Amino acid sequence: MANKTSQNSEAQPNQVDIQDIENQIIMIWEKNRGLILGGIGFVFAVFIGYQGLKFMEARAEKNLQEGYQSADNTDAKATWAEDEAGTALSGFAYKELGDEAFAAGDYAKAETYYRSAAESTETPVDQAATMALAVTLIAQDKNAEAKEILQPIAEDSTALAQAEAKYRLASLVGEEGDVQTALDLIDSIDEQDFFWKSRGDTLKEKLPEA
């Protein structure tokens, strides 16, 4: 994860105001939290990625945007993201690449891109990429590593993806036969996180008796 550095009053070429970007994204999350959590898998990541890119298109029209937009295919975008590693927009680029690879069924490549996305930017984008990484690991039957990623998010009351992390952990441990832990995780999902609470309740009905 790149350290944030103090920004000059005017953005230089190939720079964006990272703090402003983070603040805008967090404001977007607070305003649209119900909508985001009410979506389907990856909705948090997709929404944040889309809104963040919209903000940065306006904010960085004369710097990183030009380089990002010129990367008009997967290979060019990957090269650009690597060259700009440590900037916020590179994280979005890696996230997009991961989504493309996941949709194509190339989970190994998606895993690589999501790892880079999580390391290239700050909250909440890194959490979106981290959750996407966990889902990708599960798709490859790398459940142990997925659980290691999900556990700290599930235990963090400030994590924006806590409810989803609890649900996915419950699903994993339930499949492993730890029904009581799965039930505890489902019951701990906040009622306000109605989408994941609903999915948890559906999962609970499919679990055997503890």
N, C-alpha and C. Protein backbone atom coordinates (compact mmCIF):
# COMPACT_ATOMS: atom_id res chain seq x y z
N MET A 1 0.84 -1.19 0.00
CA MET A 1 0.00 0.00 0.00
C MET A 1 0.87 1.23 0.00
N ALA A 2 0.62 2.09 -0.97
CA ALA A 2 1.46 3.29 -1.05
C ALA A 2 1.09 4.25 0.05
N ASN A 3 2.09 4.91 0.62
CA ASN A 3 1.84 5.92 1.65
C ASN A 3 1.32 7.17 1.00
N LYS A 4 0.37 7.83 1.67
CA LYS A 4 -0.14 9.10 1.15
C LYS A 4 0.89 10.18 1.41
N THR A 5 1.08 11.04 0.44
CA THR A 5 2.01 12.14 0.59
C THR A 5 1.24 13.44 0.52
N SER A 6 1.81 14.48 1.11
CA SER A 6 1.15 15.78 1.08
C SER A 6 1.11 16.28 -0.34
N GLN A 7 -0.04 16.88 -0.69
CA GLN A 7 -0.27 17.35 -2.05
C GLN A 7 0.02 18.84 -2.15
N ASN A 8 0.57 19.27 -3.27
CA ASN A 8 0.77 20.69 -3.52
C ASN A 8 -0.57 21.32 -3.80
N SER A 9 -0.63 22.64 -3.71
CA SER A 9 -1.89 23.34 -3.94
C SER A 9 -2.38 23.14 -5.36
N GLU A 10 -1.47 22.94 -6.31
CA GLU A 10 -1.85 22.64 -7.69
C GLU A 10 -1.31 21.27 -8.04
N ALA A 11 -2.18 20.42 -8.68
CA ALA A 11 -1.72 19.09 -9.07
C ALA A 11 -0.72 19.21 -10.20
N GLN A 12 0.38 18.50 -10.08
CA GLN A 12 1.37 18.47 -11.13
C GLN A 12 0.97 17.41 -12.15
N PRO A 13 1.60 17.38 -13.34
CA PRO A 13 1.31 16.33 -14.32
C PRO A 13 1.50 14.97 -13.69
N ASN A 14 0.56 14.06 -14.01
CA ASN A 14 0.58 12.69 -13.51
C ASN A 14 0.35 12.60 -12.00
N GLN A 15 -0.30 13.63 -11.41
CA GLN A 15 -0.67 13.59 -10.01
C GLN A 15 -2.16 13.87 -9.87
N VAL A 16 -2.77 13.29 -8.84
CA VAL A 16 -4.13 13.64 -8.47
C VAL A 16 -4.15 13.93 -6.98
N ASP A 17 -5.15 14.68 -6.52
CA ASP A 17 -5.29 14.98 -5.11
C ASP A 17 -5.93 13.78 -4.43
N ILE A 18 -5.10 12.89 -3.89
CA ILE A 18 -5.58 11.62 -3.35
C ILE A 18 -6.58 11.84 -2.21
N GLN A 19 -6.28 12.79 -1.31
CA GLN A 19 -7.17 13.00 -0.17
C GLN A 19 -8.55 13.44 -0.63
N ASP A 20 -8.59 14.34 -1.63
CA ASP A 20 -9.88 14.77 -2.15
C ASP A 20 -10.64 13.61 -2.75
N ILE A 21 -9.94 12.74 -3.45
CA ILE A 21 -10.58 11.58 -4.06
C ILE A 21 -11.19 10.69 -2.99
N GLU A 22 -10.42 10.43 -1.93
CA GLU A 22 -10.91 9.57 -0.86
C GLU A 22 -12.14 10.20 -0.20
N ASN A 23 -12.07 11.50 0.05
CA ASN A 23 -13.19 12.18 0.71
C ASN A 23 -14.45 12.10 -0.15
N GLN A 24 -14.30 12.29 -1.46
CA GLN A 24 -15.44 12.23 -2.35
C GLN A 24 -16.04 10.83 -2.38
N ILE A 25 -15.18 9.82 -2.43
CA ILE A 25 -15.68 8.45 -2.48
C ILE A 25 -16.43 8.11 -1.20
N ILE A 26 -15.88 8.53 -0.06
CA ILE A 26 -16.55 8.26 1.22
C ILE A 26 -17.90 8.96 1.28
N MET A 27 -17.98 10.19 0.75
CA MET A 27 -19.25 10.90 0.72
C MET A 27 -20.26 10.16 -0.16
N ILE A 28 -19.77 9.64 -1.29
CA ILE A 28 -20.64 8.86 -2.18
C ILE A 28 -21.20 7.65 -1.45
N TRP A 29 -20.31 6.97 -0.69
CA TRP A 29 -20.73 5.79 0.07
C TRP A 29 -21.80 6.15 1.09
N GLU A 30 -21.59 7.22 1.86
CA GLU A 30 -22.54 7.59 2.90
C GLU A 30 -23.91 7.93 2.31
N LYS A 31 -23.89 8.57 1.15
CA LYS A 31 -25.14 9.00 0.52
C LYS A 31 -25.90 7.83 -0.08
N ASN A 32 -25.18 6.81 -0.56
CA ASN A 32 -25.81 5.73 -1.31
C ASN A 32 -25.67 4.37 -0.64
N ARG A 33 -25.44 4.34 0.66
CA ARG A 33 -25.13 3.08 1.36
C ARG A 33 -26.22 2.03 1.16
N GLY A 34 -27.48 2.44 1.30
CA GLY A 34 -28.56 1.47 1.15
C GLY A 34 -28.60 0.86 -0.24
N LEU A 35 -28.41 1.69 -1.24
CA LEU A 35 -28.41 1.21 -2.62
C LEU A 35 -27.27 0.24 -2.86
N ILE A 36 -26.09 0.60 -2.35
CA ILE A 36 -24.92 -0.25 -2.58
C ILE A 36 -25.12 -1.62 -1.96
N LEU A 37 -25.53 -1.64 -0.69
CA LEU A 37 -25.68 -2.92 0.01
C LEU A 37 -26.87 -3.71 -0.50
N GLY A 38 -27.76 -3.07 -1.24
CA GLY A 38 -28.92 -3.78 -1.75
C GLY A 38 -28.68 -4.46 -3.07
N GLY A 39 -27.47 -4.39 -3.60
CA GLY A 39 -27.17 -4.99 -4.87
C GLY A 39 -26.77 -6.44 -4.76
N ILE A 40 -26.19 -6.96 -5.86
CA ILE A 40 -25.76 -8.35 -5.88
C ILE A 40 -24.25 -8.40 -5.79
N GLY A 41 -23.67 -9.61 -5.90
CA GLY A 41 -22.24 -9.77 -5.72
C GLY A 41 -21.42 -8.75 -6.49
N PHE A 42 -20.41 -8.22 -5.83
CA PHE A 42 -19.48 -7.26 -6.42
C PHE A 42 -20.09 -5.87 -6.58
N VAL A 43 -21.34 -5.65 -6.13
CA VAL A 43 -21.96 -4.35 -6.38
C VAL A 43 -21.20 -3.25 -5.67
N PHE A 44 -20.72 -3.51 -4.47
CA PHE A 44 -19.95 -2.49 -3.76
C PHE A 44 -18.75 -2.06 -4.58
N ALA A 45 -18.01 -3.04 -5.06
CA ALA A 45 -16.81 -2.73 -5.82
C ALA A 45 -17.15 -2.02 -7.12
N VAL A 46 -18.17 -2.50 -7.81
CA VAL A 46 -18.53 -1.89 -9.10
C VAL A 46 -19.00 -0.46 -8.91
N PHE A 47 -19.86 -0.23 -7.91
CA PHE A 47 -20.40 1.11 -7.67
C PHE A 47 -19.31 2.09 -7.31
N ILE A 48 -18.47 1.70 -6.35
CA ILE A 48 -17.40 2.59 -5.93
C ILE A 48 -16.44 2.85 -7.08
N GLY A 49 -16.13 1.79 -7.85
CA GLY A 49 -15.22 1.97 -8.98
C GLY A 49 -15.79 2.95 -9.99
N TYR A 50 -17.07 2.80 -10.33
CA TYR A 50 -17.71 3.67 -11.31
C TYR A 50 -17.76 5.11 -10.82
N GLN A 51 -18.24 5.30 -9.59
CA GLN A 51 -18.36 6.65 -9.07
C GLN A 51 -16.99 7.31 -8.91
N GLY A 52 -16.02 6.52 -8.47
CA GLY A 52 -14.68 7.08 -8.30
C GLY A 52 -14.08 7.52 -9.61
N LEU A 53 -14.28 6.71 -10.65
CA LEU A 53 -13.76 7.08 -11.96
C LEU A 53 -14.46 8.32 -12.49
N LYS A 54 -15.77 8.44 -12.26
CA LYS A 54 -16.48 9.63 -12.68
C LYS A 54 -15.90 10.87 -12.02
N PHE A 55 -15.63 10.77 -10.73
CA PHE A 55 -15.05 11.91 -10.03
C PHE A 55 -13.68 12.26 -10.59
N MET A 56 -12.86 11.22 -10.79
CA MET A 56 -11.50 11.49 -11.24
C MET A 56 -11.44 11.97 -12.69
N GLU A 57 -12.43 11.61 -13.50
CA GLU A 57 -12.46 12.14 -14.86
C GLU A 57 -12.57 13.66 -14.84
N ALA A 58 -13.39 14.16 -13.90
CA ALA A 58 -13.54 15.60 -13.79
C ALA A 58 -12.33 16.23 -13.11
N ARG A 59 -11.77 15.52 -12.13
CA ARG A 59 -10.70 16.07 -11.31
C ARG A 59 -9.34 16.03 -12.00
N ALA A 60 -9.11 14.98 -12.80
CA ALA A 60 -7.79 14.79 -13.38
C ALA A 60 -7.82 14.83 -14.90
N GLU A 61 -8.64 15.70 -15.45
CA GLU A 61 -8.86 15.74 -16.90
C GLU A 61 -7.58 15.95 -17.68
N LYS A 62 -6.62 16.70 -17.12
CA LYS A 62 -5.42 17.05 -17.86
C LYS A 62 -4.18 16.26 -17.42
N ASN A 63 -4.36 15.26 -16.53
CA ASN A 63 -3.17 14.52 -16.11
C ASN A 63 -3.37 13.02 -16.27
N LEU A 64 -3.68 12.32 -15.19
CA LEU A 64 -3.77 10.86 -15.29
C LEU A 64 -4.88 10.40 -16.22
N GLN A 65 -5.92 11.18 -16.36
CA GLN A 65 -7.04 10.77 -17.20
C GLN A 65 -6.58 10.50 -18.63
N GLU A 66 -5.73 11.36 -19.14
CA GLU A 66 -5.27 11.20 -20.51
C GLU A 66 -4.56 9.86 -20.71
N GLY A 67 -3.69 9.54 -19.77
CA GLY A 67 -2.98 8.26 -19.87
C GLY A 67 -3.91 7.08 -19.69
N TYR A 68 -4.86 7.20 -18.76
CA TYR A 68 -5.80 6.11 -18.50
C TYR A 68 -6.68 5.86 -19.73
N GLN A 69 -7.21 6.93 -20.30
CA GLN A 69 -8.11 6.78 -21.44
C GLN A 69 -7.39 6.24 -22.67
N SER A 70 -6.10 6.55 -22.78
CA SER A 70 -5.37 6.06 -23.95
C SER A 70 -5.08 4.57 -23.85
N ALA A 71 -5.22 4.01 -22.65
CA ALA A 71 -5.02 2.56 -22.47
C ALA A 71 -6.33 1.88 -22.84
N ASP A 72 -6.54 1.67 -24.14
CA ASP A 72 -7.85 1.25 -24.63
C ASP A 72 -8.00 -0.25 -24.82
N ASN A 73 -7.08 -1.03 -24.30
CA ASN A 73 -7.25 -2.48 -24.31
C ASN A 73 -6.62 -3.05 -23.04
N THR A 74 -6.85 -4.32 -22.80
CA THR A 74 -6.43 -4.92 -21.54
C THR A 74 -4.93 -4.82 -21.31
N ASP A 75 -4.14 -5.15 -22.32
CA ASP A 75 -2.68 -5.12 -22.16
C ASP A 75 -2.19 -3.70 -21.89
N ALA A 76 -2.74 -2.73 -22.63
CA ALA A 76 -2.32 -1.34 -22.44
C ALA A 76 -2.72 -0.84 -21.06
N LYS A 77 -3.91 -1.23 -20.61
CA LYS A 77 -4.37 -0.80 -19.29
C LYS A 77 -3.50 -1.41 -18.19
N ALA A 78 -3.13 -2.67 -18.36
CA ALA A 78 -2.29 -3.33 -17.36
C ALA A 78 -0.91 -2.66 -17.29
N THR A 79 -0.36 -2.33 -18.44
CA THR A 79 0.94 -1.65 -18.48
C THR A 79 0.84 -0.28 -17.83
N TRP A 80 -0.22 0.44 -18.15
CA TRP A 80 -0.41 1.77 -17.57
C TRP A 80 -0.56 1.68 -16.05
N ALA A 81 -1.36 0.74 -15.58
CA ALA A 81 -1.58 0.59 -14.14
C ALA A 81 -0.28 0.28 -13.42
N GLU A 82 0.56 -0.55 -14.04
CA GLU A 82 1.85 -0.89 -13.43
C GLU A 82 2.76 0.33 -13.38
N ASP A 83 2.77 1.10 -14.47
CA ASP A 83 3.61 2.30 -14.52
C ASP A 83 3.17 3.34 -13.49
N GLU A 84 1.87 3.40 -13.22
CA GLU A 84 1.33 4.40 -12.30
C GLU A 84 1.03 3.82 -10.93
N ALA A 85 1.61 2.66 -10.61
CA ALA A 85 1.35 1.99 -9.33
C ALA A 85 1.58 2.96 -8.17
N GLY A 86 0.67 2.92 -7.21
CA GLY A 86 0.76 3.80 -6.06
C GLY A 86 -0.19 4.98 -6.17
N THR A 87 -0.74 5.23 -7.34
CA THR A 87 -1.74 6.29 -7.50
C THR A 87 -3.12 5.69 -7.34
N ALA A 88 -4.08 6.55 -6.99
CA ALA A 88 -5.44 6.06 -6.78
C ALA A 88 -6.02 5.47 -8.06
N LEU A 89 -5.79 6.14 -9.19
CA LEU A 89 -6.40 5.68 -10.43
C LEU A 89 -5.85 4.33 -10.87
N SER A 90 -4.61 4.01 -10.53
CA SER A 90 -4.08 2.70 -10.88
C SER A 90 -4.87 1.61 -10.17
N GLY A 91 -5.31 1.90 -8.93
CA GLY A 91 -6.13 0.94 -8.21
C GLY A 91 -7.44 0.67 -8.92
N PHE A 92 -8.07 1.73 -9.43
CA PHE A 92 -9.29 1.54 -10.19
C PHE A 92 -9.03 0.73 -11.46
N ALA A 93 -7.91 1.01 -12.12
CA ALA A 93 -7.57 0.28 -13.34
C ALA A 93 -7.38 -1.20 -13.05
N TYR A 94 -6.64 -1.51 -12.00
CA TYR A 94 -6.46 -2.92 -11.61
C TYR A 94 -7.79 -3.57 -11.26
N LYS A 95 -8.66 -2.81 -10.59
CA LYS A 95 -9.97 -3.35 -10.23
C LYS A 95 -10.77 -3.69 -11.48
N GLU A 96 -10.76 -2.80 -12.46
CA GLU A 96 -11.45 -3.06 -13.72
C GLU A 96 -10.88 -4.29 -14.42
N LEU A 97 -9.56 -4.39 -14.44
CA LEU A 97 -8.92 -5.54 -15.06
C LEU A 97 -9.32 -6.84 -14.35
N GLY A 98 -9.39 -6.78 -13.02
CA GLY A 98 -9.82 -7.95 -12.27
C GLY A 98 -11.24 -8.35 -12.60
N ASP A 99 -12.13 -7.36 -12.72
CA ASP A 99 -13.52 -7.65 -13.06
C ASP A 99 -13.63 -8.29 -14.45
N GLU A 100 -12.84 -7.77 -15.39
CA GLU A 100 -12.86 -8.33 -16.74
C GLU A 100 -12.38 -9.78 -16.74
N ALA A 101 -11.30 -10.04 -16.01
CA ALA A 101 -10.75 -11.39 -15.96
C ALA A 101 -11.73 -12.34 -15.26
N PHE A 102 -12.36 -11.86 -14.19
CA PHE A 102 -13.31 -12.71 -13.46
C PHE A 102 -14.50 -13.06 -14.36
N ALA A 103 -15.02 -12.06 -15.08
CA ALA A 103 -16.15 -12.29 -15.96
C ALA A 103 -15.81 -13.30 -17.06
N ALA A 104 -14.52 -13.30 -17.46
CA ALA A 104 -14.07 -14.22 -18.50
C ALA A 104 -13.73 -15.60 -17.94
N GLY A 105 -13.82 -15.76 -16.62
CA GLY A 105 -13.54 -17.04 -16.00
C GLY A 105 -12.06 -17.30 -15.75
N ASP A 106 -11.23 -16.27 -15.94
CA ASP A 106 -9.80 -16.42 -15.69
C ASP A 106 -9.53 -15.97 -14.25
N TYR A 107 -9.81 -16.86 -13.29
CA TYR A 107 -9.76 -16.49 -11.89
C TYR A 107 -8.34 -16.24 -11.40
N ALA A 108 -7.37 -16.95 -11.97
CA ALA A 108 -5.98 -16.74 -11.55
C ALA A 108 -5.53 -15.33 -11.91
N LYS A 109 -5.87 -14.89 -13.11
CA LYS A 109 -5.50 -13.53 -13.52
C LYS A 109 -6.28 -12.50 -12.71
N ALA A 110 -7.56 -12.77 -12.47
CA ALA A 110 -8.37 -11.86 -11.66
C ALA A 110 -7.77 -11.72 -10.27
N GLU A 111 -7.30 -12.82 -9.71
CA GLU A 111 -6.68 -12.79 -8.39
C GLU A 111 -5.48 -11.85 -8.38
N THR A 112 -4.64 -11.95 -9.39
CA THR A 112 -3.45 -11.09 -9.48
C THR A 112 -3.84 -9.63 -9.55
N TYR A 113 -4.82 -9.31 -10.38
CA TYR A 113 -5.23 -7.92 -10.53
C TYR A 113 -5.87 -7.38 -9.25
N TYR A 114 -6.70 -8.19 -8.59
CA TYR A 114 -7.34 -7.72 -7.37
C TYR A 114 -6.32 -7.49 -6.26
N ARG A 115 -5.30 -8.32 -6.21
CA ARG A 115 -4.24 -8.09 -5.22
C ARG A 115 -3.56 -6.75 -5.48
N SER A 116 -3.28 -6.46 -6.73
CA SER A 116 -2.65 -5.19 -7.09
C SER A 116 -3.58 -4.02 -6.77
N ALA A 117 -4.87 -4.20 -7.03
CA ALA A 117 -5.83 -3.13 -6.74
C ALA A 117 -5.87 -2.82 -5.25
N ALA A 118 -5.87 -3.85 -4.44
CA ALA A 118 -5.93 -3.67 -2.99
C ALA A 118 -4.68 -2.97 -2.45
N GLU A 119 -3.56 -3.17 -3.13
CA GLU A 119 -2.30 -2.58 -2.68
C GLU A 119 -2.07 -1.19 -3.26
N SER A 120 -2.87 -0.78 -4.23
CA SER A 120 -2.58 0.45 -4.96
C SER A 120 -3.38 1.65 -4.51
N THR A 121 -4.31 1.46 -3.61
CA THR A 121 -5.16 2.59 -3.24
C THR A 121 -5.59 2.47 -1.79
N GLU A 122 -6.50 3.33 -1.37
CA GLU A 122 -6.90 3.43 0.02
C GLU A 122 -8.38 3.07 0.20
N THR A 123 -8.81 3.01 1.45
CA THR A 123 -10.21 2.75 1.79
C THR A 123 -11.09 3.82 1.14
N PRO A 124 -12.27 3.46 0.60
CA PRO A 124 -12.87 2.14 0.62
C PRO A 124 -12.55 1.28 -0.59
N VAL A 125 -11.77 1.80 -1.53
CA VAL A 125 -11.51 1.04 -2.75
C VAL A 125 -10.71 -0.22 -2.45
N ASP A 126 -9.78 -0.15 -1.51
CA ASP A 126 -9.00 -1.34 -1.20
C ASP A 126 -9.89 -2.43 -0.61
N GLN A 127 -10.92 -2.04 0.15
CA GLN A 127 -11.84 -3.03 0.70
C GLN A 127 -12.67 -3.69 -0.39
N ALA A 128 -13.07 -2.90 -1.38
CA ALA A 128 -13.82 -3.46 -2.51
C ALA A 128 -12.97 -4.49 -3.23
N ALA A 129 -11.72 -4.15 -3.49
CA ALA A 129 -10.81 -5.07 -4.17
C ALA A 129 -10.52 -6.30 -3.31
N THR A 130 -10.41 -6.09 -2.00
CA THR A 130 -10.13 -7.21 -1.09
C THR A 130 -11.30 -8.19 -1.06
N MET A 131 -12.53 -7.68 -1.03
CA MET A 131 -13.69 -8.55 -1.07
C MET A 131 -13.75 -9.30 -2.40
N ALA A 132 -13.46 -8.61 -3.49
CA ALA A 132 -13.45 -9.27 -4.79
C ALA A 132 -12.38 -10.35 -4.83
N LEU A 133 -11.24 -10.08 -4.20
CA LEU A 133 -10.18 -11.07 -4.12
C LEU A 133 -10.65 -12.31 -3.37
N ALA A 134 -11.33 -12.11 -2.25
CA ALA A 134 -11.83 -13.25 -1.47
C ALA A 134 -12.79 -14.10 -2.28
N VAL A 135 -13.69 -13.46 -3.02
CA VAL A 135 -14.64 -14.20 -3.85
C VAL A 135 -13.90 -14.98 -4.93
N THR A 136 -12.87 -14.37 -5.50
CA THR A 136 -12.09 -15.04 -6.53
C THR A 136 -11.35 -16.24 -5.96
N LEU A 137 -10.82 -16.11 -4.76
CA LEU A 137 -10.15 -17.24 -4.12
C LEU A 137 -11.12 -18.39 -3.87
N ILE A 138 -12.33 -18.06 -3.43
CA ILE A 138 -13.35 -19.08 -3.20
C ILE A 138 -13.67 -19.80 -4.51
N ALA A 139 -13.73 -19.05 -5.61
CA ALA A 139 -14.00 -19.66 -6.91
C ALA A 139 -12.91 -20.63 -7.33
N GLN A 140 -11.72 -20.49 -6.74
CA GLN A 140 -10.60 -21.39 -7.04
C GLN A 140 -10.39 -22.43 -5.93
N ASP A 141 -11.36 -22.52 -5.02
CA ASP A 141 -11.28 -23.45 -3.89
C ASP A 141 -10.10 -23.16 -2.96
N LYS A 142 -9.68 -21.91 -2.91
CA LYS A 142 -8.63 -21.50 -1.98
C LYS A 142 -9.31 -20.94 -0.73
N ASN A 143 -10.10 -21.80 -0.10
CA ASN A 143 -10.96 -21.34 0.99
C ASN A 143 -10.21 -20.88 2.22
N ALA A 144 -9.10 -21.54 2.53
CA ALA A 144 -8.35 -21.16 3.73
C ALA A 144 -7.85 -19.72 3.63
N GLU A 145 -7.29 -19.36 2.48
CA GLU A 145 -6.80 -17.99 2.31
C GLU A 145 -7.96 -17.00 2.28
N ALA A 146 -9.06 -17.40 1.66
CA ALA A 146 -10.23 -16.53 1.62
C ALA A 146 -10.72 -16.22 3.04
N LYS A 147 -10.72 -17.23 3.89
CA LYS A 147 -11.15 -17.03 5.28
C LYS A 147 -10.21 -16.09 6.02
N GLU A 148 -8.92 -16.21 5.75
CA GLU A 148 -7.95 -15.32 6.40
C GLU A 148 -8.19 -13.86 5.99
N ILE A 149 -8.62 -13.66 4.76
CA ILE A 149 -8.90 -12.31 4.27
C ILE A 149 -10.21 -11.79 4.86
N LEU A 150 -11.22 -12.65 4.90
CA LEU A 150 -12.55 -12.24 5.34
C LEU A 150 -12.66 -12.01 6.84
N GLN A 151 -11.92 -12.79 7.62
CA GLN A 151 -12.06 -12.74 9.08
C GLN A 151 -11.85 -11.34 9.68
N PRO A 152 -10.74 -10.66 9.35
CA PRO A 152 -10.54 -9.33 9.94
C PRO A 152 -11.59 -8.31 9.49
N ILE A 153 -12.10 -8.47 8.28
CA ILE A 153 -13.15 -7.55 7.81
C ILE A 153 -14.44 -7.82 8.59
N ALA A 154 -14.74 -9.10 8.80
CA ALA A 154 -15.95 -9.47 9.55
C ALA A 154 -15.89 -8.99 10.98
N GLU A 155 -14.70 -8.88 11.53
CA GLU A 155 -14.54 -8.46 12.93
C GLU A 155 -14.42 -6.96 13.09
N ASP A 156 -14.31 -6.23 11.99
CA ASP A 156 -14.11 -4.79 12.03
C ASP A 156 -15.43 -4.06 11.86
N SER A 157 -15.93 -3.48 12.95
CA SER A 157 -17.23 -2.81 12.90
C SER A 157 -17.22 -1.57 12.02
N THR A 158 -16.04 -1.07 11.70
CA THR A 158 -15.95 0.12 10.83
C THR A 158 -15.80 -0.25 9.36
N ALA A 159 -15.65 -1.53 9.07
CA ALA A 159 -15.45 -1.97 7.68
C ALA A 159 -16.75 -1.82 6.89
N LEU A 160 -16.66 -1.21 5.74
CA LEU A 160 -17.84 -1.00 4.92
C LEU A 160 -18.42 -2.31 4.39
N ALA A 161 -17.59 -3.32 4.27
CA ALA A 161 -18.02 -4.61 3.73
C ALA A 161 -18.18 -5.67 4.82
N GLN A 162 -18.38 -5.24 6.07
CA GLN A 162 -18.45 -6.20 7.17
C GLN A 162 -19.57 -7.21 6.98
N ALA A 163 -20.75 -6.76 6.59
CA ALA A 163 -21.89 -7.67 6.45
C ALA A 163 -21.62 -8.73 5.39
N GLU A 164 -21.08 -8.31 4.26
CA GLU A 164 -20.78 -9.29 3.21
C GLU A 164 -19.72 -10.28 3.68
N ALA A 165 -18.71 -9.78 4.38
CA ALA A 165 -17.65 -10.66 4.89
C ALA A 165 -18.24 -11.71 5.83
N LYS A 166 -19.15 -11.29 6.70
CA LYS A 166 -19.78 -12.24 7.62
C LYS A 166 -20.57 -13.30 6.86
N TYR A 167 -21.31 -12.86 5.86
CA TYR A 167 -22.10 -13.81 5.08
C TYR A 167 -21.21 -14.82 4.37
N ARG A 168 -20.16 -14.34 3.74
CA ARG A 168 -19.30 -15.25 2.98
C ARG A 168 -18.53 -16.18 3.91
N LEU A 169 -18.15 -15.70 5.07
CA LEU A 169 -17.53 -16.57 6.07
C LEU A 169 -18.52 -17.63 6.54
N ALA A 170 -19.75 -17.22 6.79
CA ALA A 170 -20.77 -18.16 7.23
C ALA A 170 -20.98 -19.26 6.20
N SER A 171 -20.99 -18.87 4.94
CA SER A 171 -21.16 -19.85 3.87
C SER A 171 -20.00 -20.84 3.85
N LEU A 172 -18.79 -20.34 4.02
CA LEU A 172 -17.61 -21.21 3.99
C LEU A 172 -17.58 -22.17 5.17
N VAL A 173 -17.77 -21.64 6.38
CA VAL A 173 -17.68 -22.52 7.56
C VAL A 173 -18.86 -23.48 7.61
N GLY A 174 -20.00 -23.05 7.07
CA GLY A 174 -21.15 -23.95 7.01
C GLY A 174 -20.86 -25.15 6.12
N GLU A 175 -20.21 -24.89 4.98
CA GLU A 175 -19.84 -25.98 4.08
C GLU A 175 -18.83 -26.92 4.73
N GLU A 176 -18.04 -26.38 5.64
CA GLU A 176 -17.05 -27.20 6.34
C GLU A 176 -17.64 -27.96 7.53
N GLY A 177 -18.91 -27.72 7.81
CA GLY A 177 -19.57 -28.44 8.89
C GLY A 177 -19.64 -27.71 10.21
N ASP A 178 -19.09 -26.50 10.27
CA ASP A 178 -19.14 -25.72 11.51
C ASP A 178 -20.43 -24.90 11.51
N VAL A 179 -21.52 -25.59 11.76
CA VAL A 179 -22.84 -24.97 11.63
C VAL A 179 -23.06 -23.88 12.67
N GLN A 180 -22.62 -24.10 13.89
CA GLN A 180 -22.87 -23.12 14.95
C GLN A 180 -22.16 -21.80 14.66
N THR A 181 -20.92 -21.87 14.17
CA THR A 181 -20.21 -20.63 13.83
C THR A 181 -20.91 -19.92 12.68
N ALA A 182 -21.39 -20.69 11.72
CA ALA A 182 -22.12 -20.10 10.60
C ALA A 182 -23.37 -19.38 11.10
N LEU A 183 -24.11 -20.02 12.01
CA LEU A 183 -25.31 -19.39 12.56
C LEU A 183 -24.98 -18.13 13.35
N ASP A 184 -23.91 -18.19 14.12
CA ASP A 184 -23.50 -17.01 14.90
C ASP A 184 -23.14 -15.84 13.98
N LEU A 185 -22.45 -16.13 12.90
CA LEU A 185 -22.08 -15.08 11.95
C LEU A 185 -23.33 -14.47 11.31
N ILE A 186 -24.25 -15.32 10.91
CA ILE A 186 -25.48 -14.82 10.27
C ILE A 186 -26.27 -13.96 11.24
N ASP A 187 -26.40 -14.43 12.48
CA ASP A 187 -27.17 -13.68 13.48
C ASP A 187 -26.53 -12.34 13.82
N SER A 188 -25.21 -12.23 13.61
CA SER A 188 -24.51 -10.99 13.95
C SER A 188 -24.57 -9.94 12.85
N ILE A 189 -25.12 -10.31 11.69
CA ILE A 189 -25.24 -9.32 10.60
C ILE A 189 -26.29 -8.29 10.99
N ASP A 190 -25.93 -7.03 10.89
CA ASP A 190 -26.82 -5.94 11.29
C ASP A 190 -28.09 -5.95 10.42
N GLU A 191 -29.24 -5.73 11.07
CA GLU A 191 -30.51 -5.71 10.36
C GLU A 191 -30.54 -4.63 9.28
N GLN A 192 -29.79 -3.56 9.47
CA GLN A 192 -29.77 -2.48 8.48
C GLN A 192 -29.09 -2.91 7.19
N ASP A 193 -28.24 -3.90 7.27
CA ASP A 193 -27.60 -4.44 6.06
C ASP A 193 -28.55 -5.48 5.47
N PHE A 194 -29.69 -4.98 5.00
CA PHE A 194 -30.82 -5.87 4.70
C PHE A 194 -30.52 -6.89 3.62
N PHE A 195 -29.68 -6.54 2.63
CA PHE A 195 -29.41 -7.49 1.55
C PHE A 195 -28.66 -8.71 2.07
N TRP A 196 -27.56 -8.45 2.79
CA TRP A 196 -26.76 -9.57 3.29
C TRP A 196 -27.47 -10.28 4.43
N LYS A 197 -28.28 -9.56 5.20
CA LYS A 197 -29.08 -10.20 6.26
C LYS A 197 -30.07 -11.17 5.63
N SER A 198 -30.69 -10.74 4.55
CA SER A 198 -31.66 -11.59 3.86
C SER A 198 -30.98 -12.83 3.28
N ARG A 199 -29.81 -12.63 2.67
CA ARG A 199 -29.09 -13.78 2.13
C ARG A 199 -28.64 -14.72 3.24
N GLY A 200 -28.26 -14.14 4.37
CA GLY A 200 -27.87 -14.95 5.51
C GLY A 200 -29.03 -15.79 6.02
N ASP A 201 -30.21 -15.19 6.10
CA ASP A 201 -31.38 -15.93 6.56
C ASP A 201 -31.70 -17.08 5.60
N THR A 202 -31.53 -16.84 4.31
CA THR A 202 -31.75 -17.90 3.32
C THR A 202 -30.74 -19.03 3.51
N LEU A 203 -29.48 -18.64 3.75
CA LEU A 203 -28.44 -19.64 3.99
C LEU A 203 -28.75 -20.43 5.25
N LYS A 204 -29.24 -19.76 6.28
CA LYS A 204 -29.54 -20.42 7.55
C LYS A 204 -30.54 -21.56 7.35
N GLU A 205 -31.52 -21.34 6.48
CA GLU A 205 -32.54 -22.35 6.23
C GLU A 205 -31.96 -23.61 5.58
N LYS A 206 -30.81 -23.46 4.92
CA LYS A 206 -30.21 -24.60 4.23
C LYS A 206 -29.21 -25.36 5.09
N LEU A 207 -28.87 -24.79 6.24
CA LEU A 207 -27.89 -25.43 7.12
C LEU A 207 -28.55 -26.55 7.93
N PRO A 208 -27.82 -27.61 8.19
CA PRO A 208 -28.36 -28.66 9.07
C PRO A 208 -28.43 -28.14 10.49
N GLU A 209 -29.11 -28.86 11.35
CA GLU A 209 -29.21 -28.45 12.75
C GLU A 209 -27.84 -28.52 13.41
N ALA A 210 -27.56 -27.51 14.24
CA ALA A 210 -26.26 -27.47 14.91
C ALA A 210 -26.14 -28.58 15.94
